[in-house]
Amino acid sequence: MIDTTDRTELLAIVERLIIEIAGDEITLAGPITLATSFNGDLELESIEFVALAEKLQAHFGARIDFVGWISTKELDQIIALTVGELVDFIASAPAA
């Protein structure tokens, strides 16, 4: 069982999932950190967000509703979304 309160472990999982979706070359500009933005730094396309949502749910189960969570945000919040915010969301999700 993954300790969803360990932000370092969650960051490593999210980084691995992003690399699975976008490819190794995404890390050429530098490592993925909590401050990395999905739009400005990673330049993920909407289809990649969908793939990330599917991978998150496959990895963590139904308790991680990425699509539901992101749908509560305004467009400017989505554009500014960071990996750290996603890690915090996962860490705050209720245990299964």
PDB file of N, CA and C in Angstrom:
ATOM      1  N   MET A   1       0.845  -1.195   0.000  1.00  0.00           N
ATOM      2  CA  MET A   1       0.000   0.000   0.000  1.00  0.00           C
ATOM      3  C   MET A   1       0.884   1.250   0.000  1.00  0.00           C
ATOM      4  N   ILE A   2       0.522   2.197  -0.775  1.00  0.00           N
ATOM      5  CA  ILE A   2       1.281   3.436  -0.886  1.00  0.00           C
ATOM      6  C   ILE A   2       0.852   4.386   0.220  1.00  0.00           C
ATOM      7  N   ASP A   3       1.840   4.984   0.855  1.00  0.00           N
ATOM      8  CA  ASP A   3       1.564   6.003   1.864  1.00  0.00           C
ATOM      9  C   ASP A   3       1.264   7.297   1.128  1.00  0.00           C
ATOM     10  N   THR A   4      -0.011   7.634   1.037  1.00  0.00           N
ATOM     11  CA  THR A   4      -0.384   8.825   0.265  1.00  0.00           C
ATOM     12  C   THR A   4      -0.111  10.123   1.017  1.00  0.00           C
ATOM     13  N   THR A   5       0.506  10.037   2.190  1.00  0.00           N
ATOM     14  CA  THR A   5       0.911  11.255   2.877  1.00  0.00           C
ATOM     15  C   THR A   5       2.374  11.580   2.597  1.00  0.00           C
ATOM     16  N   ASP A   6       3.101  10.680   1.955  1.00  0.00           N
ATOM     17  CA  ASP A   6       4.510  10.881   1.638  1.00  0.00           C
ATOM     18  C   ASP A   6       4.609  11.595   0.290  1.00  0.00           C
ATOM     19  N   ARG A   7       4.822  12.904   0.333  1.00  0.00           N
ATOM     20  CA  ARG A   7       4.845  13.700  -0.895  1.00  0.00           C
ATOM     21  C   ARG A   7       5.994  13.317  -1.816  1.00  0.00           C
ATOM     22  N   THR A   8       7.122  12.890  -1.249  1.00  0.00           N
ATOM     23  CA  THR A   8       8.256  12.485  -2.074  1.00  0.00           C
ATOM     24  C   THR A   8       7.906  11.247  -2.886  1.00  0.00           C
ATOM     25  N   GLU A   9       7.265  10.276  -2.237  1.00  0.00           N
ATOM     26  CA  GLU A   9       6.858   9.058  -2.930  1.00  0.00           C
ATOM     27  C   GLU A   9       5.785   9.360  -3.978  1.00  0.00           C
ATOM     28  N   LEU A  10       4.845  10.221  -3.619  1.00  0.00           N
ATOM     29  CA  LEU A  10       3.793  10.599  -4.576  1.00  0.00           C
ATOM     30  C   LEU A  10       4.379  11.329  -5.771  1.00  0.00           C
ATOM     31  N   LEU A  11       5.335  12.219  -5.540  1.00  0.00           N
ATOM     32  CA  LEU A  11       5.980  12.928  -6.639  1.00  0.00           C
ATOM     33  C   LEU A  11       6.660  11.942  -7.580  1.00  0.00           C
ATOM     34  N   ALA A  12       7.333  10.946  -7.032  1.00  0.00           N
ATOM     35  CA  ALA A  12       8.011   9.953  -7.865  1.00  0.00           C
ATOM     36  C   ALA A  12       7.004   9.172  -8.714  1.00  0.00           C
ATOM     37  N   ILE A  13       5.863   8.843  -8.140  1.00  0.00           N
ATOM     38  CA  ILE A  13       4.818   8.117  -8.880  1.00  0.00           C
ATOM     39  C   ILE A  13       4.254   8.991  -9.994  1.00  0.00           C
ATOM     40  N   VAL A  14       3.916  10.233  -9.659  1.00  0.00           N
ATOM     41  CA  VAL A  14       3.354  11.150 -10.658  1.00  0.00           C
ATOM     42  C   VAL A  14       4.369  11.387 -11.769  1.00  0.00           C
ATOM     43  N   GLU A  15       5.636  11.557 -11.414  1.00  0.00           N
ATOM     44  CA  GLU A  15       6.677  11.752 -12.430  1.00  0.00           C
ATOM     45  C   GLU A  15       6.740  10.541 -13.364  1.00  0.00           C
ATOM     46  N   ARG A  16       6.723   9.344 -12.802  1.00  0.00           N
ATOM     47  CA  ARG A  16       6.778   8.127 -13.624  1.00  0.00           C
ATOM     48  C   ARG A  16       5.583   8.057 -14.572  1.00  0.00           C
ATOM     49  N   LEU A  17       4.396   8.401 -14.073  1.00  0.00           N
ATOM     50  CA  LEU A  17       3.198   8.354 -14.911  1.00  0.00           C
ATOM     51  C   LEU A  17       3.261   9.388 -16.033  1.00  0.00           C
ATOM     52  N   ILE A  18       3.765  10.572 -15.721  1.00  0.00           N
ATOM     53  CA  ILE A  18       3.908  11.613 -16.750  1.00  0.00           C
ATOM     54  C   ILE A  18       4.885  11.152 -17.828  1.00  0.00           C
ATOM     55  N   ILE A  19       5.996  10.549 -17.416  1.00  0.00           N
ATOM     56  CA  ILE A  19       6.986  10.067 -18.382  1.00  0.00           C
ATOM     57  C   ILE A  19       6.391   8.951 -19.242  1.00  0.00           C
ATOM     58  N   GLU A  20       5.573   8.089 -18.646  1.00  0.00           N
ATOM     59  CA  GLU A  20       4.909   7.034 -19.420  1.00  0.00           C
ATOM     60  C   GLU A  20       4.021   7.629 -20.508  1.00  0.00           C
ATOM     61  N   ILE A  21       3.395   8.745 -20.208  1.00  0.00           N
ATOM     62  CA  ILE A  21       2.474   9.390 -21.148  1.00  0.00           C
ATOM     63  C   ILE A  21       3.223  10.210 -22.196  1.00  0.00           C
ATOM     64  N   ALA A  22       4.155  11.033 -21.740  1.00  0.00           N
ATOM     65  CA  ALA A  22       4.790  12.009 -22.624  1.00  0.00           C
ATOM     66  C   ALA A  22       6.148  11.576 -23.157  1.00  0.00           C
ATOM     67  N   GLY A  23       6.738  10.545 -22.588  1.00  0.00           N
ATOM     68  CA  GLY A  23       8.042  10.083 -23.041  1.00  0.00           C
ATOM     69  C   GLY A  23       9.186  10.649 -22.217  1.00  0.00           C
ATOM     70  N   ASP A  24      10.329   9.959 -22.275  1.00  0.00           N
ATOM     71  CA  ASP A  24      11.514  10.349 -21.503  1.00  0.00           C
ATOM     72  C   ASP A  24      12.012  11.749 -21.833  1.00  0.00           C
ATOM     73  N   GLU A  25      11.812  12.163 -23.073  1.00  0.00           N
ATOM     74  CA  GLU A  25      12.344  13.464 -23.491  1.00  0.00           C
ATOM     75  C   GLU A  25      11.733  14.627 -22.717  1.00  0.00           C
ATOM     76  N   ILE A  26      10.639  14.389 -22.025  1.00  0.00           N
ATOM     77  CA  ILE A  26      10.004  15.459 -21.252  1.00  0.00           C
ATOM     78  C   ILE A  26      10.910  15.932 -20.123  1.00  0.00           C
ATOM     79  N   THR A  27      11.847  15.091 -19.704  1.00  0.00           N
ATOM     80  CA  THR A  27      12.739  15.463 -18.608  1.00  0.00           C
ATOM     81  C   THR A  27      14.040  16.105 -19.103  1.00  0.00           C
ATOM     82  N   LEU A  28      14.191  16.304 -20.406  1.00  0.00           N
ATOM     83  CA  LEU A  28      15.413  16.913 -20.935  1.00  0.00           C
ATOM     84  C   LEU A  28      15.637  18.326 -20.403  1.00  0.00           C
ATOM     85  N   ALA A  29      14.573  19.051 -20.160  1.00  0.00           N
ATOM     86  CA  ALA A  29      14.685  20.415 -19.653  1.00  0.00           C
ATOM     87  C   ALA A  29      14.998  20.443 -18.162  1.00  0.00           C
ATOM     88  N   GLY A  30      14.910  19.308 -17.507  1.00  0.00           N
ATOM     89  CA  GLY A  30      15.173  19.231 -16.072  1.00  0.00           C
ATOM     90  C   GLY A  30      14.211  18.272 -15.410  1.00  0.00           C
ATOM     91  N   PRO A  31      14.456  17.987 -14.141  1.00  0.00           N
ATOM     92  CA  PRO A  31      13.601  17.026 -13.439  1.00  0.00           C
ATOM     93  C   PRO A  31      12.200  17.597 -13.189  1.00  0.00           C
ATOM     94  N   ILE A  32      11.265  16.703 -13.035  1.00  0.00           N
ATOM     95  CA  ILE A  32       9.909  17.104 -12.661  1.00  0.00           C
ATOM     96  C   ILE A  32       9.893  17.282 -11.156  1.00  0.00           C
ATOM     97  N   THR A  33       9.508  18.476 -10.712  1.00  0.00           N
ATOM     98  CA  THR A  33       9.473  18.803  -9.288  1.00  0.00           C
ATOM     99  C   THR A  33       8.058  19.224  -8.903  1.00  0.00           C
ATOM    100  N   LEU A  34       7.869  19.524  -7.632  1.00  0.00           N
ATOM    101  CA  LEU A  34       6.561  19.991  -7.173  1.00  0.00           C
ATOM    102  C   LEU A  34       6.189  21.322  -7.830  1.00  0.00           C
ATOM    103  N   ALA A  35       7.184  22.110  -8.204  1.00  0.00           N
ATOM    104  CA  ALA A  35       6.930  23.423  -8.817  1.00  0.00           C
ATOM    105  C   ALA A  35       6.714  23.349 -10.326  1.00  0.00           C
ATOM    106  N   THR A  36       6.928  22.188 -10.932  1.00  0.00           N
ATOM    107  CA  THR A  36       6.770  22.036 -12.376  1.00  0.00           C
ATOM    108  C   THR A  36       5.315  22.266 -12.767  1.00  0.00           C
ATOM    109  N   SER A  37       5.105  23.122 -13.770  1.00  0.00           N
ATOM    110  CA  SER A  37       3.732  23.372 -14.234  1.00  0.00           C
ATOM    111  C   SER A  37       3.421  22.461 -15.422  1.00  0.00           C
ATOM    112  N   PHE A  38       2.189  22.006 -15.462  1.00  0.00           N
ATOM    113  CA  PHE A  38       1.770  21.127 -16.550  1.00  0.00           C
ATOM    114  C   PHE A  38       1.754  21.853 -17.881  1.00  0.00           C
ATOM    115  N   ASN A  39       1.350  23.111 -17.870  1.00  0.00           N
ATOM    116  CA  ASN A  39       1.233  23.860 -19.117  1.00  0.00           C
ATOM    117  C   ASN A  39       2.567  24.497 -19.515  1.00  0.00           C
ATOM    118  N   GLY A  40       3.116  25.326 -18.660  1.00  0.00           N
ATOM    119  CA  GLY A  40       4.315  26.078 -19.009  1.00  0.00           C
ATOM    120  C   GLY A  40       5.574  25.245 -19.137  1.00  0.00           C
ATOM    121  N   ASP A  41       5.766  24.289 -18.224  1.00  0.00           N
ATOM    122  CA  ASP A  41       6.995  23.502 -18.224  1.00  0.00           C
ATOM    123  C   ASP A  41       6.861  22.221 -19.052  1.00  0.00           C
ATOM    124  N   LEU A  42       5.799  21.462 -18.808  1.00  0.00           N
ATOM    125  CA  LEU A  42       5.649  20.172 -19.479  1.00  0.00           C
ATOM    126  C   LEU A  42       4.928  20.272 -20.819  1.00  0.00           C
ATOM    127  N   GLU A  43       4.148  21.338 -20.988  1.00  0.00           N
ATOM    128  CA  GLU A  43       3.391  21.568 -22.219  1.00  0.00           C
ATOM    129  C   GLU A  43       2.538  20.360 -22.609  1.00  0.00           C
ATOM    130  N   LEU A  44       1.841  19.789 -21.606  1.00  0.00           N
ATOM    131  CA  LEU A  44       0.979  18.640 -21.880  1.00  0.00           C
ATOM    132  C   LEU A  44      -0.245  19.062 -22.673  1.00  0.00           C
ATOM    133  N   GLU A  45      -0.633  18.242 -23.602  1.00  0.00           N
ATOM    134  CA  GLU A  45      -1.840  18.450 -24.398  1.00  0.00           C
ATOM    135  C   GLU A  45      -3.038  17.894 -23.627  1.00  0.00           C
ATOM    136  N   SER A  46      -4.231  18.280 -24.031  1.00  0.00           N
ATOM    137  CA  SER A  46      -5.430  17.817 -23.326  1.00  0.00           C
ATOM    138  C   SER A  46      -5.563  16.300 -23.369  1.00  0.00           C
ATOM    139  N   ILE A  47      -5.180  15.675 -24.458  1.00  0.00           N
ATOM    140  CA  ILE A  47      -5.260  14.214 -24.556  1.00  0.00           C
ATOM    141  C   ILE A  47      -4.309  13.561 -23.561  1.00  0.00           C
ATOM    142  N   GLU A  48      -3.186  14.227 -23.281  1.00  0.00           N
ATOM    143  CA  GLU A  48      -2.245  13.701 -22.288  1.00  0.00           C
ATOM    144  C   GLU A  48      -2.813  13.834 -20.877  1.00  0.00           C
ATOM    145  N   PHE A  49      -3.599  14.877 -20.637  1.00  0.00           N
ATOM    146  CA  PHE A  49      -4.283  15.007 -19.348  1.00  0.00           C
ATOM    147  C   PHE A  49      -5.279  13.869 -19.161  1.00  0.00           C
ATOM    148  N   VAL A  50      -5.977  13.518 -20.219  1.00  0.00           N
ATOM    149  CA  VAL A  50      -6.924  12.401 -20.155  1.00  0.00           C
ATOM    150  C   VAL A  50      -6.175  11.108 -19.843  1.00  0.00           C
ATOM    151  N   ALA A  51      -5.056  10.892 -20.517  1.00  0.00           N
ATOM    152  CA  ALA A  51      -4.252   9.699 -20.267  1.00  0.00           C
ATOM    153  C   ALA A  51      -3.718   9.698 -18.831  1.00  0.00           C
ATOM    154  N   LEU A  52      -3.318  10.863 -18.323  1.00  0.00           N
ATOM    155  CA  LEU A  52      -2.842  10.958 -16.947  1.00  0.00           C
ATOM    156  C   LEU A  52      -3.965  10.616 -15.971  1.00  0.00           C
ATOM    157  N   ALA A  53      -5.152  11.123 -16.238  1.00  0.00           N
ATOM    158  CA  ALA A  53      -6.304  10.810 -15.375  1.00  0.00           C
ATOM    159  C   ALA A  53      -6.538   9.310 -15.316  1.00  0.00           C
ATOM    160  N   GLU A  54      -6.459   8.651 -16.461  1.00  0.00           N
ATOM    161  CA  GLU A  54      -6.657   7.199 -16.512  1.00  0.00           C
ATOM    162  C   GLU A  54      -5.566   6.464 -15.746  1.00  0.00           C
ATOM    163  N   LYS A  55      -4.325   6.898 -15.893  1.00  0.00           N
ATOM    164  CA  LYS A  55      -3.209   6.253 -15.190  1.00  0.00           C
ATOM    165  C   LYS A  55      -3.299   6.474 -13.687  1.00  0.00           C
ATOM    166  N   LEU A  56      -3.700   7.676 -13.281  1.00  0.00           N
ATOM    167  CA  LEU A  56      -3.860   7.950 -11.853  1.00  0.00           C
ATOM    168  C   LEU A  56      -4.927   7.052 -11.244  1.00  0.00           C
ATOM    169  N   GLN A  57      -6.043   6.910 -11.939  1.00  0.00           N
ATOM    170  CA  GLN A  57      -7.126   6.067 -11.432  1.00  0.00           C
ATOM    171  C   GLN A  57      -6.713   4.603 -11.423  1.00  0.00           C
ATOM    172  N   ALA A  58      -5.985   4.161 -12.431  1.00  0.00           N
ATOM    173  CA  ALA A  58      -5.513   2.774 -12.459  1.00  0.00           C
ATOM    174  C   ALA A  58      -4.535   2.514 -11.319  1.00  0.00           C
ATOM    175  N   HIS A  59      -3.709   3.503 -11.006  1.00  0.00           N
ATOM    176  CA  HIS A  59      -2.698   3.323  -9.970  1.00  0.00           C
ATOM    177  C   HIS A  59      -3.280   3.449  -8.555  1.00  0.00           C
ATOM    178  N   PHE A  60      -4.105   4.482  -8.337  1.00  0.00           N
ATOM    179  CA  PHE A  60      -4.596   4.780  -6.993  1.00  0.00           C
ATOM    180  C   PHE A  60      -6.020   4.308  -6.731  1.00  0.00           C
ATOM    181  N   GLY A  61      -6.746   3.943  -7.777  1.00  0.00           N
ATOM    182  CA  GLY A  61      -8.127   3.519  -7.600  1.00  0.00           C
ATOM    183  C   GLY A  61      -9.102   4.669  -7.796  1.00  0.00           C
ATOM    184  N   ALA A  62     -10.359   4.354  -7.630  1.00  0.00           N
ATOM    185  CA  ALA A  62     -11.443   5.302  -7.917  1.00  0.00           C
ATOM    186  C   ALA A  62     -11.439   6.515  -7.001  1.00  0.00           C
ATOM    187  N   ARG A  63     -10.734   6.439  -5.890  1.00  0.00           N
ATOM    188  CA  ARG A  63     -10.736   7.582  -4.960  1.00  0.00           C
ATOM    189  C   ARG A  63     -10.024   8.803  -5.532  1.00  0.00           C
ATOM    190  N   ILE A  64      -9.201   8.580  -6.573  1.00  0.00           N
ATOM    191  CA  ILE A  64      -8.520   9.696  -7.226  1.00  0.00           C
ATOM    192  C   ILE A  64      -9.303  10.058  -8.489  1.00  0.00           C
ATOM    193  N   ASP A  65     -10.175  11.029  -8.346  1.00  0.00           N
ATOM    194  CA  ASP A  65     -11.003  11.486  -9.467  1.00  0.00           C
ATOM    195  C   ASP A  65     -10.388  12.770 -10.020  1.00  0.00           C
ATOM    196  N   PHE A  66      -9.332  12.603 -10.813  1.00  0.00           N
ATOM    197  CA  PHE A  66      -8.610  13.736 -11.379  1.00  0.00           C
ATOM    198  C   PHE A  66      -9.533  14.606 -12.230  1.00  0.00           C
ATOM    199  N   VAL A  67     -10.351  13.977 -13.051  1.00  0.00           N
ATOM    200  CA  VAL A  67     -11.259  14.726 -13.932  1.00  0.00           C
ATOM    201  C   VAL A  67     -12.244  15.542 -13.092  1.00  0.00           C
ATOM    202  N   GLY A  68     -12.811  14.928 -12.067  1.00  0.00           N
ATOM    203  CA  GLY A  68     -13.735  15.641 -11.190  1.00  0.00           C
ATOM    204  C   GLY A  68     -13.060  16.801 -10.481  1.00  0.00           C
ATOM    205  N   TRP A  69     -11.827  16.561 -10.019  1.00  0.00           N
ATOM    206  CA  TRP A  69     -11.082  17.595  -9.302  1.00  0.00           C
ATOM    207  C   TRP A  69     -10.743  18.765 -10.214  1.00  0.00           C
ATOM    208  N   ILE A  70     -10.246  18.462 -11.401  1.00  0.00           N
ATOM    209  CA  ILE A  70      -9.834  19.530 -12.312  1.00  0.00           C
ATOM    210  C   ILE A  70     -11.049  20.296 -12.851  1.00  0.00           C
ATOM    211  N   SER A  71     -12.201  19.626 -12.906  1.00  0.00           N
ATOM    212  CA  SER A  71     -13.401  20.300 -13.410  1.00  0.00           C
ATOM    213  C   SER A  71     -13.913  21.374 -12.450  1.00  0.00           C
ATOM    214  N   THR A  72     -13.437  21.368 -11.213  1.00  0.00           N
ATOM    215  CA  THR A  72     -13.843  22.386 -10.241  1.00  0.00           C
ATOM    216  C   THR A  72     -13.004  23.652 -10.359  1.00  0.00           C
ATOM    217  N   LYS A  73     -12.002  23.620 -11.210  1.00  0.00           N
ATOM    218  CA  LYS A  73     -11.077  24.741 -11.325  1.00  0.00           C
ATOM    219  C   LYS A  73     -11.440  25.665 -12.483  1.00  0.00           C
ATOM    220  N   GLU A  74     -11.083  26.921 -12.327  1.00  0.00           N
ATOM    221  CA  GLU A  74     -11.242  27.908 -13.391  1.00  0.00           C
ATOM    222  C   GLU A  74     -10.138  27.681 -14.428  1.00  0.00           C
ATOM    223  N   LEU A  75     -10.334  28.186 -15.626  1.00  0.00           N
ATOM    224  CA  LEU A  75      -9.367  27.995 -16.710  1.00  0.00           C
ATOM    225  C   LEU A  75      -7.973  28.471 -16.325  1.00  0.00           C
ATOM    226  N   ASP A  76      -7.866  29.646 -15.685  1.00  0.00           N
ATOM    227  CA  ASP A  76      -6.541  30.153 -15.310  1.00  0.00           C
ATOM    228  C   ASP A  76      -5.870  29.259 -14.267  1.00  0.00           C
ATOM    229  N   GLN A  77      -6.666  28.615 -13.403  1.00  0.00           N
ATOM    230  CA  GLN A  77      -6.107  27.675 -12.427  1.00  0.00           C
ATOM    231  C   GLN A  77      -5.598  26.407 -13.116  1.00  0.00           C
ATOM    232  N   ILE A  78      -6.315  25.956 -14.129  1.00  0.00           N
ATOM    233  CA  ILE A  78      -5.893  24.771 -14.880  1.00  0.00           C
ATOM    234  C   ILE A  78      -4.600  25.065 -15.632  1.00  0.00           C
ATOM    235  N   ILE A  79      -4.518  26.232 -16.239  1.00  0.00           N
ATOM    236  CA  ILE A  79      -3.322  26.618 -16.980  1.00  0.00           C
ATOM    237  C   ILE A  79      -2.113  26.714 -16.045  1.00  0.00           C
ATOM    238  N   ALA A  80      -2.327  27.180 -14.813  1.00  0.00           N
ATOM    239  CA  ALA A  80      -1.237  27.354 -13.850  1.00  0.00           C
ATOM    240  C   ALA A  80      -0.986  26.104 -12.991  1.00  0.00           C
ATOM    241  N   LEU A  81      -1.711  25.034 -13.211  1.00  0.00           N
ATOM    242  CA  LEU A  81      -1.624  23.836 -12.379  1.00  0.00           C
ATOM    243  C   LEU A  81      -0.206  23.271 -12.314  1.00  0.00           C
ATOM    244  N   THR A  82       0.238  22.965 -11.095  1.00  0.00           N
ATOM    245  CA  THR A  82       1.571  22.399 -10.907  1.00  0.00           C
ATOM    246  C   THR A  82       1.481  20.939 -10.471  1.00  0.00           C
ATOM    247  N   VAL A  83       2.589  20.259 -10.617  1.00  0.00           N
ATOM    248  CA  VAL A  83       2.686  18.875 -10.162  1.00  0.00           C
ATOM    249  C   VAL A  83       2.458  18.827  -8.652  1.00  0.00           C
ATOM    250  N   GLY A  84       2.942  19.821  -7.930  1.00  0.00           N
ATOM    251  CA  GLY A  84       2.747  19.883  -6.483  1.00  0.00           C
ATOM    252  C   GLY A  84       1.281  19.936  -6.093  1.00  0.00           C
ATOM    253  N   GLU A  85       0.483  20.673  -6.852  1.00  0.00           N
ATOM    254  CA  GLU A  85      -0.951  20.731  -6.565  1.00  0.00           C
ATOM    255  C   GLU A  85      -1.600  19.362  -6.760  1.00  0.00           C
ATOM    256  N   LEU A  86      -1.176  18.651  -7.803  1.00  0.00           N
ATOM    257  CA  LEU A  86      -1.691  17.305  -8.036  1.00  0.00           C
ATOM    258  C   LEU A  86      -1.258  16.375  -6.906  1.00  0.00           C
ATOM    259  N   VAL A  87      -0.010  16.463  -6.491  1.00  0.00           N
ATOM    260  CA  VAL A  87       0.491  15.640  -5.381  1.00  0.00           C
ATOM    261  C   VAL A  87      -0.319  15.934  -4.118  1.00  0.00           C
ATOM    262  N   ASP A  88      -0.583  17.206  -3.839  1.00  0.00           N
ATOM    263  CA  ASP A  88      -1.380  17.573  -2.665  1.00  0.00           C
ATOM    264  C   ASP A  88      -2.790  17.010  -2.758  1.00  0.00           C
ATOM    265  N   PHE A  89      -3.374  17.035  -3.956  1.00  0.00           N
ATOM    266  CA  PHE A  89      -4.709  16.476  -4.160  1.00  0.00           C
ATOM    267  C   PHE A  89      -4.710  14.977  -3.845  1.00  0.00           C
ATOM    268  N   ILE A  90      -3.720  14.272  -4.342  1.00  0.00           N
ATOM    269  CA  ILE A  90      -3.637  12.832  -4.089  1.00  0.00           C
ATOM    270  C   ILE A  90      -3.445  12.571  -2.602  1.00  0.00           C
ATOM    271  N   ALA A  91      -2.571  13.366  -1.978  1.00  0.00           N
ATOM    272  CA  ALA A  91      -2.290  13.190  -0.550  1.00  0.00           C
ATOM    273  C   ALA A  91      -3.510  13.454   0.316  1.00  0.00           C
ATOM    274  N   SER A  92      -4.387  14.342  -0.138  1.00  0.00           N
ATOM    275  CA  SER A  92      -5.570  14.696   0.665  1.00  0.00           C
ATOM    276  C   SER A  92      -6.784  13.819   0.373  1.00  0.00           C
ATOM    277  N   ALA A  93      -6.690  12.951  -0.625  1.00  0.00           N
ATOM    278  CA  ALA A  93      -7.835  12.097  -0.983  1.00  0.00           C
ATOM    279  C   ALA A  93      -8.095  11.109   0.152  1.00  0.00           C
ATOM    280  N   PRO A  94      -9.347  10.836   0.422  1.00  0.00           N
ATOM    281  CA  PRO A  94      -9.666   9.884   1.493  1.00  0.00           C
ATOM    282  C   PRO A  94      -9.124   8.497   1.159  1.00  0.00           C
ATOM    283  N   ALA A  95      -8.719   7.800   2.191  1.00  0.00           N
ATOM    284  CA  ALA A  95      -8.194   6.437   2.002  1.00  0.00           C
ATOM    285  C   ALA A  95      -9.282   5.528   1.462  1.00  0.00           C
ATOM    286  N   ALA A  96      -8.856   4.551   0.693  1.00  0.00           N
ATOM    287  CA  ALA A  96      -9.803   3.600   0.101  1.00  0.00           C
ATOM    288  C   ALA A  96     -10.352   2.657   1.144  1.00  0.00           C
TER     289      ALA A  96
END
